[in-house]
C-alpha atoms as a PDB file:
ATOM      1  CA  MET A   1       5.987   1.058  -9.654  1.00  0.00           C
ATOM      2  CA  ASN A   2       8.078   2.855 -12.002  1.00  0.00           C
ATOM      3  CA  GLU A   3      11.892   3.653 -11.562  1.00  0.00           C
ATOM      4  CA  GLN A   4      11.181   7.483  -9.388  1.00  0.00           C
ATOM      5  CA  GLU A   5       8.933   4.813  -7.516  1.00  0.00           C
ATOM      6  CA  ARG A   6      11.245   2.087  -6.461  1.00  0.00           C
ATOM      7  CA  THR A   7      14.420   4.927  -5.442  1.00  0.00           C
ATOM      8  CA  LEU A   8      11.913   5.954  -2.982  1.00  0.00           C
ATOM      9  CA  LEU A   9      11.000   2.629  -1.642  1.00  0.00           C
ATOM     10  CA  ASN A  10      14.707   1.673  -1.379  1.00  0.00           C
ATOM     11  CA  GLN A  11      15.737   5.025   0.365  1.00  0.00           C
ATOM     12  CA  ALA A  12      13.254   4.337   2.875  1.00  0.00           C
ATOM     13  CA  ILE A  13      14.030   0.845   3.372  1.00  0.00           C
ATOM     14  CA  THR A  14      17.719   2.169   3.858  1.00  0.00           C
ATOM     15  CA  ALA A  15      16.859   4.462   6.440  1.00  0.00           C
ATOM     16  CA  ALA A  16      14.514   2.404   8.665  1.00  0.00           C
ATOM     17  CA  SER A  17      16.966  -0.541   8.374  1.00  0.00           C
ATOM     18  CA  GLN A  18      19.466   1.283   9.751  1.00  0.00           C
ATOM     19  CA  LEU A  19      17.847   3.107  12.592  1.00  0.00           C
ATOM     20  CA  THR A  20      16.335  -0.519  13.550  1.00  0.00           C
ATOM     21  CA  GLY A  21      18.910  -3.015  12.669  1.00  0.00           C
ATOM     22  CA  LEU A  22      16.257  -5.011  10.955  1.00  0.00           C
ATOM     23  CA  ASP A  23      16.537  -7.035   7.888  1.00  0.00           C
ATOM     24  CA  ILE A  24      13.762  -5.130   5.739  1.00  0.00           C
ATOM     25  CA  SER A  25      13.071  -6.055   2.009  1.00  0.00           C
ATOM     26  CA  VAL A  26      10.956  -5.510  -0.372  1.00  0.00           C
ATOM     27  CA  ASP A  27       9.337  -9.345  -1.926  1.00  0.00           C
ATOM     28  CA  ARG A  28       7.547  -8.941  -5.193  1.00  0.00           C
ATOM     29  CA  ALA A  29       5.323 -11.959  -4.895  1.00  0.00           C
ATOM     30  CA  PRO A  30       3.704 -13.813  -7.969  1.00  0.00           C
ATOM     31  CA  GLY A  31      -0.015 -12.601  -8.173  1.00  0.00           C
ATOM     32  CA  LEU A  32       0.942  -8.900  -6.670  1.00  0.00           C
ATOM     33  CA  ASP A  33      -0.629  -7.224 -10.199  1.00  0.00           C
ATOM     34  CA  GLY A  34      -3.587  -8.691  -9.649  1.00  0.00           C
ATOM     35  CA  LYS A  35      -4.291  -6.907  -6.179  1.00  0.00           C
ATOM     36  CA  ARG A  36      -3.459  -3.282  -6.865  1.00  0.00           C
ATOM     37  CA  ILE A  37      -0.195  -2.841  -4.743  1.00  0.00           C
ATOM     38  CA  ASP A  38       2.770  -1.464  -5.438  1.00  0.00           C
ATOM     39  CA  CYS A  39       4.741  -4.442  -3.570  1.00  0.00           C
ATOM     40  CA  ILE A  40       5.181  -6.214  -0.377  1.00  0.00           C
ATOM     41  CA  VAL A  41       7.812  -4.880   2.169  1.00  0.00           C
ATOM     42  CA  THR A  42       8.921  -8.181   4.392  1.00  0.00           C
ATOM     43  CA  ILE A  43      10.522  -7.162   7.815  1.00  0.00           C
ATOM     44  CA  ARG A  44      12.601  -9.946   9.504  1.00  0.00           C
ATOM     45  CA  GLY A  45      13.992 -10.125  12.962  1.00  0.00           C
ATOM     46  CA  GLN A  46      14.638 -12.102  16.403  1.00  0.00           C
ATOM     47  CA  GLY A  47      10.777 -11.787  16.997  1.00  0.00           C
ATOM     48  CA  GLY A  48      10.184 -13.276  13.592  1.00  0.00           C
ATOM     49  CA  GLU A  49       8.938 -12.035   9.905  1.00  0.00           C
ATOM     50  CA  VAL A  50       6.407  -9.825   9.095  1.00  0.00           C
ATOM     51  CA  ARG A  51       4.746  -9.105   5.428  1.00  0.00           C
ATOM     52  CA  LEU A  52       2.999  -5.833   4.869  1.00  0.00           C
ATOM     53  CA  PRO A  53       1.573  -4.797   1.384  1.00  0.00           C
ATOM     54  CA  THR A  54       2.661  -1.551   0.622  1.00  0.00           C
ATOM     55  CA  GLU A  55       1.224   1.441  -1.028  1.00  0.00           C
ATOM     56  CA  ILE A  56       3.576   4.692  -2.399  1.00  0.00           C
ATOM     57  CA  VAL A  57       1.899   7.780  -1.713  1.00  0.00           C
ATOM     58  CA  ARG A  58       3.809  10.267  -3.706  1.00  0.00           C
ATOM     59  CA  ASN A  59       3.062  13.552  -1.824  1.00  0.00           C
ATOM     60  CA  LEU A  60       1.502  13.106   1.236  1.00  0.00           C
ATOM     61  CA  THR A  61      -0.124  15.909   2.647  1.00  0.00           C
ATOM     62  CA  LYS A  62      -2.627  16.653   5.817  1.00  0.00           C
ATOM     63  CA  THR A  63      -5.537  16.739   3.450  1.00  0.00           C
ATOM     64  CA  ALA A  64      -4.400  13.647   1.963  1.00  0.00           C
ATOM     65  CA  ILE A  65      -4.711  10.925   4.869  1.00  0.00           C
ATOM     66  CA  GLY A  66      -7.963   9.889   4.809  1.00  0.00           C
ATOM     67  CA  PRO A  67      -8.161   8.905   1.403  1.00  0.00           C
ATOM     68  CA  VAL A  68      -4.438   7.088   2.043  1.00  0.00           C
ATOM     69  CA  ALA A  69      -5.946   5.980   5.274  1.00  0.00           C
ATOM     70  CA  ALA A  70      -9.126   4.711   3.409  1.00  0.00           C
ATOM     71  CA  ARG A  71      -6.934   2.703   0.627  1.00  0.00           C
ATOM     72  CA  MET A  72      -4.564   1.108   3.206  1.00  0.00           C
ATOM     73  CA  LYS A  73      -7.913  -0.839   4.643  1.00  0.00           C
ATOM     74  CA  THR A  74      -8.551  -2.191   1.456  1.00  0.00           C
ATOM     75  CA  LEU A  75      -5.204  -4.047   0.848  1.00  0.00           C
ATOM     76  CA  GLY A  76      -6.178  -7.204   2.497  1.00  0.00           C
ATOM     77  CA  GLY A  77      -3.961  -6.822   5.983  1.00  0.00           C
ATOM     78  CA  PRO A  78      -2.365  -4.054   7.853  1.00  0.00           C
ATOM     79  CA  GLY A  79      -0.906  -1.953   4.787  1.00  0.00           C
ATOM     80  CA  LEU A  80       2.517  -0.103   4.966  1.00  0.00           C
ATOM     81  CA  LEU A  81       2.701   3.387   3.559  1.00  0.00           C
ATOM     82  CA  VAL A  82       5.991   4.480   1.793  1.00  0.00           C
ATOM     83  CA  THR A  83       6.095   8.383   1.429  1.00  0.00           C
ATOM     84  CA  PRO A  84       9.031  10.820   0.880  1.00  0.00           C
ATOM     85  CA  TYR A  85       8.584  12.670   4.621  1.00  0.00           C
ATOM     86  CA  VAL A  86       6.341  12.574   7.679  1.00  0.00           C
ATOM     87  CA  ASN A  87       6.240  15.345  10.338  1.00  0.00           C
ATOM     88  CA  ARG A  88       5.215  14.864  13.666  1.00  0.00           C
ATOM     89  CA  ASN A  89       1.552  15.847  13.215  1.00  0.00           C
ATOM     90  CA  MET A  90       1.288  13.681  10.636  1.00  0.00           C
ATOM     91  CA  ALA A  91       3.076  10.551  12.387  1.00  0.00           C
ATOM     92  CA  GLU A  92       0.401  11.150  15.318  1.00  0.00           C
ATOM     93  CA  ARG A  93      -1.916  11.116  12.725  1.00  0.00           C
ATOM     94  CA  LEU A  94      -1.314   7.847  11.265  1.00  0.00           C
ATOM     95  CA  LYS A  95      -0.584   6.403  14.140  1.00  0.00           C
ATOM     96  CA  THR A  96      -4.023   7.287  15.531  1.00  0.00           C
ATOM     97  CA  LEU A  97      -5.511   5.899  12.411  1.00  0.00           C
ATOM     98  CA  GLY A  98      -3.252   2.632  12.375  1.00  0.00           C
ATOM     99  CA  VAL A  99      -1.673   3.067   9.518  1.00  0.00           C
ATOM    100  CA  PRO A 100       2.066   2.071   9.446  1.00  0.00           C
ATOM    101  CA  PHE A 101       4.363   4.149   7.391  1.00  0.00           C
ATOM    102  CA  LEU A 102       8.155   4.782   6.397  1.00  0.00           C
ATOM    103  CA  ASP A 103      10.010   7.682   4.742  1.00  0.00           C
ATOM    104  CA  LEU A 104      12.778   8.720   3.383  1.00  0.00           C
ATOM    105  CA  SER A 105      14.106  10.131   6.784  1.00  0.00           C
ATOM    106  CA  GLY A 106      13.751   6.794   9.282  1.00  0.00           C
ATOM    107  CA  ASN A 107      10.407   8.150  10.521  1.00  0.00           C
ATOM    108  CA  LEU A 108       8.679   4.929  10.945  1.00  0.00           C
ATOM    109  CA  PHE A 109       5.569   3.279  12.599  1.00  0.00           C
ATOM    110  CA  ILE A 110       5.697  -0.159  12.704  1.00  0.00           C
ATOM    111  CA  ASN A 111       2.971  -1.748  15.318  1.00  0.00           C
ATOM    112  CA  GLU A 112       2.806  -5.309  13.826  1.00  0.00           C
ATOM    113  CA  PRO A 113       3.684  -8.271  16.781  1.00  0.00           C
ATOM    114  CA  PRO A 114       6.066  -9.273  17.531  1.00  0.00           C
ATOM    115  CA  TYR A 115       6.974  -5.348  16.392  1.00  0.00           C
ATOM    116  CA  PHE A 116       6.056  -2.193  17.582  1.00  0.00           C
ATOM    117  CA  ILE A 117       8.338   0.777  16.312  1.00  0.00           C
ATOM    118  CA  TYR A 118       7.550   4.372  16.332  1.00  0.00           C
ATOM    119  CA  ILE A 119      10.043   6.900  15.304  1.00  0.00           C
ATOM    120  CA  VAL A 120       9.305  10.828  14.546  1.00  0.00           C
ATOM    121  CA  GLY A 121      11.432  14.198  14.487  1.00  0.00           C
ATOM    122  CA  GLN A 122      13.984  12.494  11.851  1.00  0.00           C
ATOM    123  CA  ALA A 123      15.411  15.945  10.095  1.00  0.00           C
ATOM    124  CA  ARG A 124      13.882  16.035   6.119  1.00  0.00           C
ATOM    125  CA  VAL A 125      16.509  14.854   3.664  1.00  0.00           C
ATOM    126  CA  GLU A 126      16.546  15.803   0.100  1.00  0.00           C
ATOM    127  CA  GLU A 127      13.258  13.678  -1.535  1.00  0.00           C
ATOM    128  CA  ALA A 128      13.005  12.211  -4.976  1.00  0.00           C
ATOM    129  CA  ASN A 129      12.090  14.175  -7.883  1.00  0.00           C
ATOM    130  CA  ILE A 130       8.668  12.534  -8.474  1.00  0.00           C
ATOM    131  CA  SER A 131       6.348  13.922 -11.309  1.00  0.00           C
ATOM    132  CA  GLN A 132       2.928  14.672 -10.357  1.00  0.00           C
ATOM    133  CA  GLY A 133       1.569  14.211 -14.081  1.00  0.00           C
ATOM    134  CA  THR A 134      -0.013  17.018 -15.747  1.00  0.00           C
ATOM    135  CA  ALA A 135      -3.891  15.542 -15.853  1.00  0.00           C
ATOM    136  CA  PHE A 136      -3.945  16.134 -11.979  1.00  0.00           C
ATOM    137  CA  ASN A 137      -3.537  19.735 -11.539  1.00  0.00           C
ATOM    138  CA  PRO A 138      -6.760  21.306 -10.250  1.00  0.00           C
ATOM    139  CA  MET A 139      -8.272  22.335 -13.727  1.00  0.00           C
ATOM    140  CA  GLY A 140      -6.899  18.635 -15.261  1.00  0.00           C
ATOM    141  CA  LEU A 141      -9.009  17.442 -12.237  1.00  0.00           C
ATOM    142  CA  GLN A 142     -12.518  18.215 -13.072  1.00  0.00           C
ATOM    143  CA  VAL A 143     -12.259  17.485 -16.538  1.00  0.00           C
ATOM    144  CA  ILE A 144     -11.122  13.686 -14.822  1.00  0.00           C
ATOM    145  CA  PHE A 145     -14.053  14.131 -12.361  1.00  0.00           C
ATOM    146  CA  THR A 146     -16.290  14.635 -15.373  1.00  0.00           C
ATOM    147  CA  LEU A 147     -15.418  11.645 -16.679  1.00  0.00           C
ATOM    148  CA  LEU A 148     -15.176   9.130 -14.092  1.00  0.00           C
ATOM    149  CA  CYS A 149     -19.286  10.614 -13.437  1.00  0.00           C
ATOM    150  CA  VAL A 150     -20.347  10.139 -16.854  1.00  0.00           C
ATOM    151  CA  PRO A 151     -17.756   7.615 -18.602  1.00  0.00           C
ATOM    152  CA  GLU A 152     -19.418   7.854 -21.989  1.00  0.00           C
ATOM    153  CA  ARG A 153     -18.564  11.194 -22.027  1.00  0.00           C
ATOM    154  CA  VAL A 154     -14.761  10.668 -22.687  1.00  0.00           C
ATOM    155  CA  SER A 155     -15.522   9.994 -26.435  1.00  0.00           C
ATOM    156  CA  SER A 156     -17.325  13.104 -26.821  1.00  0.00           C
ATOM    157  CA  THR A 157     -16.207  16.249 -28.549  1.00  0.00           C
ATOM    158  CA  TYR A 158     -13.755  18.492 -26.780  1.00  0.00           C
ATOM    159  CA  ARG A 159     -16.059  21.144 -26.715  1.00  0.00           C
ATOM    160  CA  ASP A 160     -18.972  19.006 -24.879  1.00  0.00           C
ATOM    161  CA  ILE A 161     -16.173  17.942 -22.002  1.00  0.00           C
ATOM    162  CA  ALA A 162     -15.265  21.391 -21.584  1.00  0.00           C
ATOM    163  CA  ASP A 163     -18.768  22.144 -21.173  1.00  0.00           C
ATOM    164  CA  ASP A 164     -19.169  19.681 -18.647  1.00  0.00           C
ATOM    165  CA  SER A 165     -16.095  20.632 -16.659  1.00  0.00           C
ATOM    166  CA  GLY A 166     -15.874  24.245 -16.282  1.00  0.00           C
ATOM    167  CA  VAL A 167     -12.710  24.199 -18.311  1.00  0.00           C
ATOM    168  CA  SER A 168     -11.336  25.441 -21.717  1.00  0.00           C
ATOM    169  CA  LEU A 169     -10.792  23.065 -24.549  1.00  0.00           C
ATOM    170  CA  GLY A 170      -6.885  23.311 -24.129  1.00  0.00           C
ATOM    171  CA  THR A 171      -7.418  22.095 -20.910  1.00  0.00           C
ATOM    172  CA  VAL A 172      -9.488  19.027 -21.777  1.00  0.00           C
ATOM    173  CA  ALA A 173      -6.829  18.517 -25.180  1.00  0.00           C
ATOM    174  CA  ASN A 174      -3.833  18.545 -22.536  1.00  0.00           C
ATOM    175  CA  THR A 175      -5.897  16.226 -20.080  1.00  0.00           C
ATOM    176  CA  LEU A 176      -6.806  13.586 -22.191  1.00  0.00           C
ATOM    177  CA  ALA A 177      -3.255  13.719 -23.567  1.00  0.00           C
ATOM    178  CA  ALA A 178      -1.826  12.834 -20.035  1.00  0.00           C
ATOM    179  CA  LEU A 179      -4.543  10.241 -19.111  1.00  0.00           C
ATOM    180  CA  GLU A 180      -3.563   7.978 -22.472  1.00  0.00           C
ATOM    181  CA  ARG A 181       0.100   8.533 -21.681  1.00  0.00           C
ATOM    182  CA  GLY A 182      -0.342   7.457 -18.154  1.00  0.00           C
ATOM    183  CA  GLY A 183      -2.505   4.886 -19.251  1.00  0.00           C
ATOM    184  CA  PHE A 184      -5.933   5.756 -18.121  1.00  0.00           C
ATOM    185  CA  VAL A 185      -7.763   6.304 -21.454  1.00  0.00           C
ATOM    186  CA  VAL A 186      -7.781   4.116 -24.673  1.00  0.00           C
ATOM    187  CA  ASP A 187      -8.011   5.430 -28.366  1.00  0.00           C
ATOM    188  CA  ARG A 188      -9.943   2.758 -29.777  1.00  0.00           C
ATOM    189  CA  GLY A 189     -10.032   4.577 -33.290  1.00  0.00           C
ATOM    190  CA  ASN A 190     -13.232   4.914 -35.164  1.00  0.00           C
ATOM    191  CA  ARG A 191     -15.019   3.319 -31.861  1.00  0.00           C
ATOM    192  CA  GLY A 192     -13.671   6.625 -30.089  1.00  0.00           C
ATOM    193  CA  ARG A 193     -11.754   6.746 -26.447  1.00  0.00           C
ATOM    194  CA  ALA A 194     -12.763   4.698 -23.722  1.00  0.00           C
ATOM    195  CA  LEU A 195     -11.477   5.068 -20.328  1.00  0.00           C
ATOM    196  CA  ALA A 196      -9.064   1.991 -18.386  1.00  0.00           C
ATOM    197  CA  ASN A 197      -7.661   1.120 -15.020  1.00  0.00           C
ATOM    198  CA  VAL A 198     -10.586   3.053 -13.636  1.00  0.00           C
ATOM    199  CA  GLU A 199     -10.177   2.214 -10.014  1.00  0.00           C
ATOM    200  CA  GLU A 200      -6.559   3.581 -10.250  1.00  0.00           C
ATOM    201  CA  LEU A 201      -7.990   6.861 -11.636  1.00  0.00           C
ATOM    202  CA  SER A 202     -10.485   7.254  -9.012  1.00  0.00           C
ATOM    203  CA  ARG A 203      -8.429   6.842  -6.130  1.00  0.00           C
ATOM    204  CA  ARG A 204      -5.731   9.036  -7.316  1.00  0.00           C
ATOM    205  CA  TRP A 205      -8.829  11.846  -8.206  1.00  0.00           C
ATOM    206  CA  VAL A 206      -9.926  11.425  -4.734  1.00  0.00           C
ATOM    207  CA  MET A 207      -6.532  12.057  -2.992  1.00  0.00           C
ATOM    208  CA  GLU A 208      -5.330  14.769  -5.537  1.00  0.00           C
ATOM    209  CA  TYR A 209      -8.905  16.232  -5.533  1.00  0.00           C
ATOM    210  CA  ALA A 210      -8.585  16.917  -1.614  1.00  0.00           C
ATOM    211  CA  GLU A 211      -4.952  18.604  -2.082  1.00  0.00           C
ATOM    212  CA  ARG A 212      -5.405  20.528  -5.141  1.00  0.00           C
ATOM    213  CA  LEU A 213      -8.876  21.055  -5.903  1.00  0.00           C
ATOM    214  CA  ARG A 214     -11.200  21.129  -2.736  1.00  0.00           C
ATOM    215  CA  PRO A 215      -8.985  24.275  -1.844  1.00  0.00           C
ATOM    216  CA  LYS A 216      -9.410  26.322  -4.940  1.00  0.00           C
ATOM    217  CA  LEU A 217     -13.343  25.599  -4.484  1.00  0.00           C
ATOM    218  CA  PHE A 218     -13.536  27.275  -1.105  1.00  0.00           C
ATOM    219  CA  MET A 219     -15.529  30.533  -0.919  1.00  0.00           C
ATOM    220  CA  GLY A 220     -16.184  30.565   2.642  1.00  0.00           C
ATOM    221  CA  ARG A 221     -17.541  29.794   5.886  1.00  0.00           C
ATOM    222  CA  TYR A 222     -20.491  30.760   8.258  1.00  0.00           C
ATOM    223  CA  SER A 223     -22.293  30.694  11.159  1.00  0.00           C
ATOM    224  CA  PRO A 224     -26.407  30.671  11.284  1.00  0.00           C
ATOM    225  CA  SER A 225     -28.459  33.011  12.137  1.00  0.00           C
ATOM    226  CA  GLU A 226     -30.143  30.421  14.907  1.00  0.00           C
ATOM    227  CA  PRO A 227     -29.590  27.022  16.449  1.00  0.00           C
ATOM    228  CA  THR A 228     -32.621  25.294  14.466  1.00  0.00           C
ATOM    229  CA  TRP A 229     -31.390  26.891  10.621  1.00  0.00           C
ATOM    230  CA  SER A 230     -31.490  24.436   7.946  1.00  0.00           C
ATOM    231  CA  ALA A 231     -30.327  25.503   4.507  1.00  0.00           C
ATOM    232  CA  LEU A 232     -33.331  27.009   2.531  1.00  0.00           C
ATOM    233  CA  GLU A 233     -34.605  24.549  -0.704  1.00  0.00           C
ATOM    234  CA  GLY A 234     -34.040  25.117  -3.908  1.00  0.00           C
ATOM    235  CA  THR A 235     -32.015  24.849  -7.188  1.00  0.00           C
ATOM    236  CA  GLY A 236     -28.914  27.126  -6.123  1.00  0.00           C
ATOM    237  CA  HIS A 237     -26.877  24.675  -4.493  1.00  0.00           C
ATOM    238  CA  PHE A 238     -26.122  20.841  -3.667  1.00  0.00           C
ATOM    239  CA  LEU A 239     -25.335  18.974  -0.477  1.00  0.00           C
ATOM    240  CA  GLY A 240     -22.042  17.831   0.173  1.00  0.00           C
ATOM    241  CA  GLY A 241     -19.380  16.247   2.754  1.00  0.00           C
ATOM    242  CA  GLU A 242     -21.366  15.201   6.072  1.00  0.00           C
ATOM    243  CA  THR A 243     -24.599  16.782   5.108  1.00  0.00           C
ATOM    244  CA  ALA A 244     -25.324  14.728   2.217  1.00  0.00           C
ATOM    245  CA  ALA A 245     -23.551  11.627   3.890  1.00  0.00           C
ATOM    246  CA  ALA A 246     -26.017  11.733   6.987  1.00  0.00           C
ATOM    247  CA  LEU A 247     -29.195  12.076   4.927  1.00  0.00           C
ATOM    248  CA  LEU A 248     -27.940   8.762   2.768  1.00  0.00           C
ATOM    249  CA  THR A 249     -26.807   6.934   5.792  1.00  0.00           C
ATOM    250  CA  GLY A 250     -28.068   8.014   9.007  1.00  0.00           C
ATOM    251  CA  HIS A 251     -24.908   7.159  10.395  1.00  0.00           C
ATOM    252  CA  LEU A 252     -23.914  10.573  11.673  1.00  0.00           C
ATOM    253  CA  LYS A 253     -24.625  13.641  12.438  1.00  0.00           C
ATOM    254  CA  PRO A 254     -22.808  16.420  10.668  1.00  0.00           C
ATOM    255  CA  ALA A 255     -20.270  18.690  12.703  1.00  0.00           C
ATOM    256  CA  VAL A 256     -19.647  20.656   9.344  1.00  0.00           C
ATOM    257  CA  GLN A 257     -22.634  21.494   6.372  1.00  0.00           C
ATOM    258  CA  THR A 258     -21.117  21.475   3.667  1.00  0.00           C
ATOM    259  CA  PHE A 259     -22.941  23.013   0.146  1.00  0.00           C
ATOM    260  CA  TYR A 260     -21.914  23.579  -3.732  1.00  0.00           C
ATOM    261  CA  LEU A 261     -22.701  26.277  -4.713  1.00  0.00           C
ATOM    262  CA  LYS A 262     -23.949  26.707  -8.176  1.00  0.00           C
ATOM    263  CA  GLY A 263     -24.617  31.118  -7.687  1.00  0.00           C
ATOM    264  CA  GLU A 264     -23.072  33.650  -5.832  1.00  0.00           C
ATOM    265  CA  LEU A 265     -22.126  33.152  -2.141  1.00  0.00           C
ATOM    266  CA  LYS A 266     -23.123  37.057  -1.755  1.00  0.00           C
ATOM    267  CA  ASN A 267     -27.276  35.426  -2.730  1.00  0.00           C
ATOM    268  CA  PHE A 268     -26.702  32.401  -0.709  1.00  0.00           C
ATOM    269  CA  ALA A 269     -25.750  33.706   2.454  1.00  0.00           C
ATOM    270  CA  ILE A 270     -28.320  36.185   2.189  1.00  0.00           C
ATOM    271  CA  ALA A 271     -31.342  34.280   1.307  1.00  0.00           C
ATOM    272  CA  ASN A 272     -30.013  31.857   4.398  1.00  0.00           C
ATOM    273  CA  ARG A 273     -29.094  34.966   6.936  1.00  0.00           C
ATOM    274  CA  LEU A 274     -25.752  33.465   7.128  1.00  0.00           C
ATOM    275  CA  LYS A 275     -22.944  35.015   9.370  1.00  0.00           C
ATOM    276  CA  LYS A 276     -19.759  35.114   8.177  1.00  0.00           C
ATOM    277  CA  ASP A 277     -17.214  33.657  10.674  1.00  0.00           C
ATOM    278  CA  PRO A 278     -13.940  31.627   9.968  1.00  0.00           C
ATOM    279  CA  GLN A 279     -14.751  29.282  12.652  1.00  0.00           C
ATOM    280  CA  GLY A 280     -18.436  28.621  11.366  1.00  0.00           C
ATOM    281  CA  ASN A 281     -20.056  24.858  10.771  1.00  0.00           C
ATOM    282  CA  ILE A 282     -21.283  26.103   7.391  1.00  0.00           C
ATOM    283  CA  GLU A 283     -18.903  26.060   4.264  1.00  0.00           C
ATOM    284  CA  CYS A 284     -19.579  26.942   1.124  1.00  0.00           C
ATOM    285  CA  LEU A 285     -17.683  25.771  -2.144  1.00  0.00           C
ATOM    286  CA  ARG A 286     -17.802  26.526  -6.009  1.00  0.00           C
ATOM    287  CA  ALA A 287     -19.789  23.669  -8.081  1.00  0.00           C
ATOM    288  CA  PHE A 288     -17.879  23.466 -10.835  1.00  0.00           C
ATOM    289  CA  TRP A 289     -19.237  20.293 -12.944  1.00  0.00           C
ATOM    290  CA  ARG A 290     -22.178  21.284 -15.369  1.00  0.00           C
ATOM    291  CA  PHE A 291     -23.359  18.239 -15.942  1.00  0.00           C
ATOM    292  CA  ASP A 292     -26.707  16.617 -14.568  1.00  0.00           C
ATOM    293  CA  TYR A 293     -25.294  13.239 -12.863  1.00  0.00           C
ATOM    294  CA  PRO A 294     -27.866  10.654 -12.904  1.00  0.00           C
ATOM    295  CA  TRP A 295     -29.016   9.569  -9.858  1.00  0.00           C
ATOM    296  CA  GLU A 296     -32.345  10.256  -7.878  1.00  0.00           C
ATOM    297  CA  HIS A 297     -30.159  12.302  -4.989  1.00  0.00           C
ATOM    298  CA  GLY A 298     -30.462  15.368  -7.825  1.00  0.00           C
ATOM    299  CA  HIS A 299     -30.157  18.035  -4.710  1.00  0.00           C
ATOM    300  CA  MET A 300     -26.750  16.226  -3.683  1.00  0.00           C
ATOM    301  CA  ALA A 301     -23.477  16.650  -5.297  1.00  0.00           C
ATOM    302  CA  PRO A 302     -22.599  13.127  -6.559  1.00  0.00           C
ATOM    303  CA  PRO A 303     -21.274  11.120  -5.103  1.00  0.00           C
ATOM    304  CA  LEU A 304     -17.188  10.639  -5.428  1.00  0.00           C
ATOM    305  CA  ILE A 305     -17.740  14.625  -4.320  1.00  0.00           C
ATOM    306  CA  ILE A 306     -19.537  13.274  -1.045  1.00  0.00           C
ATOM    307  CA  TYR A 307     -16.745  10.469  -0.620  1.00  0.00           C
ATOM    308  CA  ALA A 308     -13.871  12.698  -1.233  1.00  0.00           C
ATOM    309  CA  ASP A 309     -15.018  15.281   1.250  1.00  0.00           C
ATOM    310  CA  LEU A 310     -15.347  12.682   4.018  1.00  0.00           C
ATOM    311  CA  LEU A 311     -12.001  11.047   3.607  1.00  0.00           C
ATOM    312  CA  ALA A 312     -10.692  14.852   3.269  1.00  0.00           C
ATOM    313  CA  SER A 313     -11.786  15.652   6.592  1.00  0.00           C
ATOM    314  CA  GLY A 314      -9.296  12.859   8.123  1.00  0.00           C
ATOM    315  CA  ASP A 315     -12.118  12.203  10.893  1.00  0.00           C
ATOM    316  CA  PRO A 316     -12.507   8.589  11.649  1.00  0.00           C
ATOM    317  CA  ARG A 317     -16.039   8.871  11.841  1.00  0.00           C
ATOM    318  CA  ASN A 318     -16.470  10.380   8.696  1.00  0.00           C
ATOM    319  CA  LEU A 319     -13.852   7.367   7.090  1.00  0.00           C
ATOM    320  CA  GLU A 320     -16.298   4.821   8.478  1.00  0.00           C
ATOM    321  CA  THR A 321     -19.071   6.715   6.528  1.00  0.00           C
ATOM    322  CA  ALA A 322     -17.080   7.132   3.710  1.00  0.00           C
ATOM    323  CA  GLU A 323     -17.174   3.256   3.097  1.00  0.00           C
ATOM    324  CA  ILE A 324     -20.680   2.969   3.679  1.00  0.00           C
ATOM    325  CA  ILE A 325     -20.761   5.550   0.467  1.00  0.00           C
ATOM    326  CA  HIS A 326     -18.579   3.622  -1.326  1.00  0.00           C
ATOM    327  CA  GLU A 327     -20.109   0.268  -1.121  1.00  0.00           C
ATOM    328  CA  ARG A 328     -23.707   1.945  -1.809  1.00  0.00           C
ATOM    329  CA  PHE A 329     -23.099   3.980  -4.339  1.00  0.00           C
ATOM    330  CA  LEU A 330     -19.705   4.268  -6.141  1.00  0.00           C
ATOM    331  CA  ALA A 331     -18.583  -0.109  -5.378  1.00  0.00           C
ATOM    332  CA  SER A 332     -20.100  -0.794  -9.141  1.00  0.00           C
ATOM    333  CA  LEU A 333     -18.762   2.182 -10.686  1.00  0.00           C
ATOM    334  CA  PHE A 334     -15.145   1.869  -9.347  1.00  0.00           C
ATOM    335  CA  PRO A 335     -14.524  -1.326  -7.808  1.00  0.00           C
ATOM    336  CA  ARG A 336     -11.661  -2.368  -5.831  1.00  0.00           C
ATOM    337  CA  THR A 337      -9.176  -5.663  -6.283  1.00  0.00           C
ATOM    338  CA  ARG A 338      -8.758  -6.846  -2.876  1.00  0.00           C
END
């Protein structure tokens, strides 16, 4: 936890304590670092004591709620989310997903016996100035995705990384420098560079992808020309989101069909006889990566994209399926420390 996160946590705890009259404090217990959590928040009152593993999220948005909820389930118990501000809609969503939270304004949700507290509608207070870091801008996220999917690429030339990521040489240089400052890339001298803290890096990527990169990849929504429509087979697109997850797991029926396009949107729409429809159940996004992902499902987007798509939806059924995708295809690459 850095100084800015510590300030955010203390302000949120102070606001919650003042509104509830409870004794709320931070417990930095031994062995905490090994659990990959920021801290433990303890709530004490006449009813007893509750200890909550705590996650600090610097920028909570609607699209980030799914990834955050998935992360909270890995904390080894009901986890507490601390973030600068939670509006009414976000509060209802978090409550539905069973995610306790505190914010700087005193909005909070706790449902851990003997305590049930739900406070919403508190006016936003001035937020702490917390930097997101230059590595996690949209172009930087494309570079990070390449490194997570093809880890050996981190020791390649800037040109090779740029070609695989669809970005400029300058973006690669700036991103690698920022990742090194953040402890995610280690320069080993003659042995080249190596990724570090991969679990945390993948977690950050999934969250930031939903908010920063995915919206920029969006190309349009369409409806099929007939109820039994299915996309033409070919090499011009990858399956993503619910579409790919349904085939991989058999666990859900896609409400939205997601395609990552290598070519022009117009060509895909004409070939598949699609009708432009802002409310349609077919979404098209740009496939930004230019490497061949080493797995047997070559017609699908890499599993990290599929997983991130499911979490970005915030749909509880998709969150369950995302866990299956993680366990089957990502757990060995990005193991979670519980």
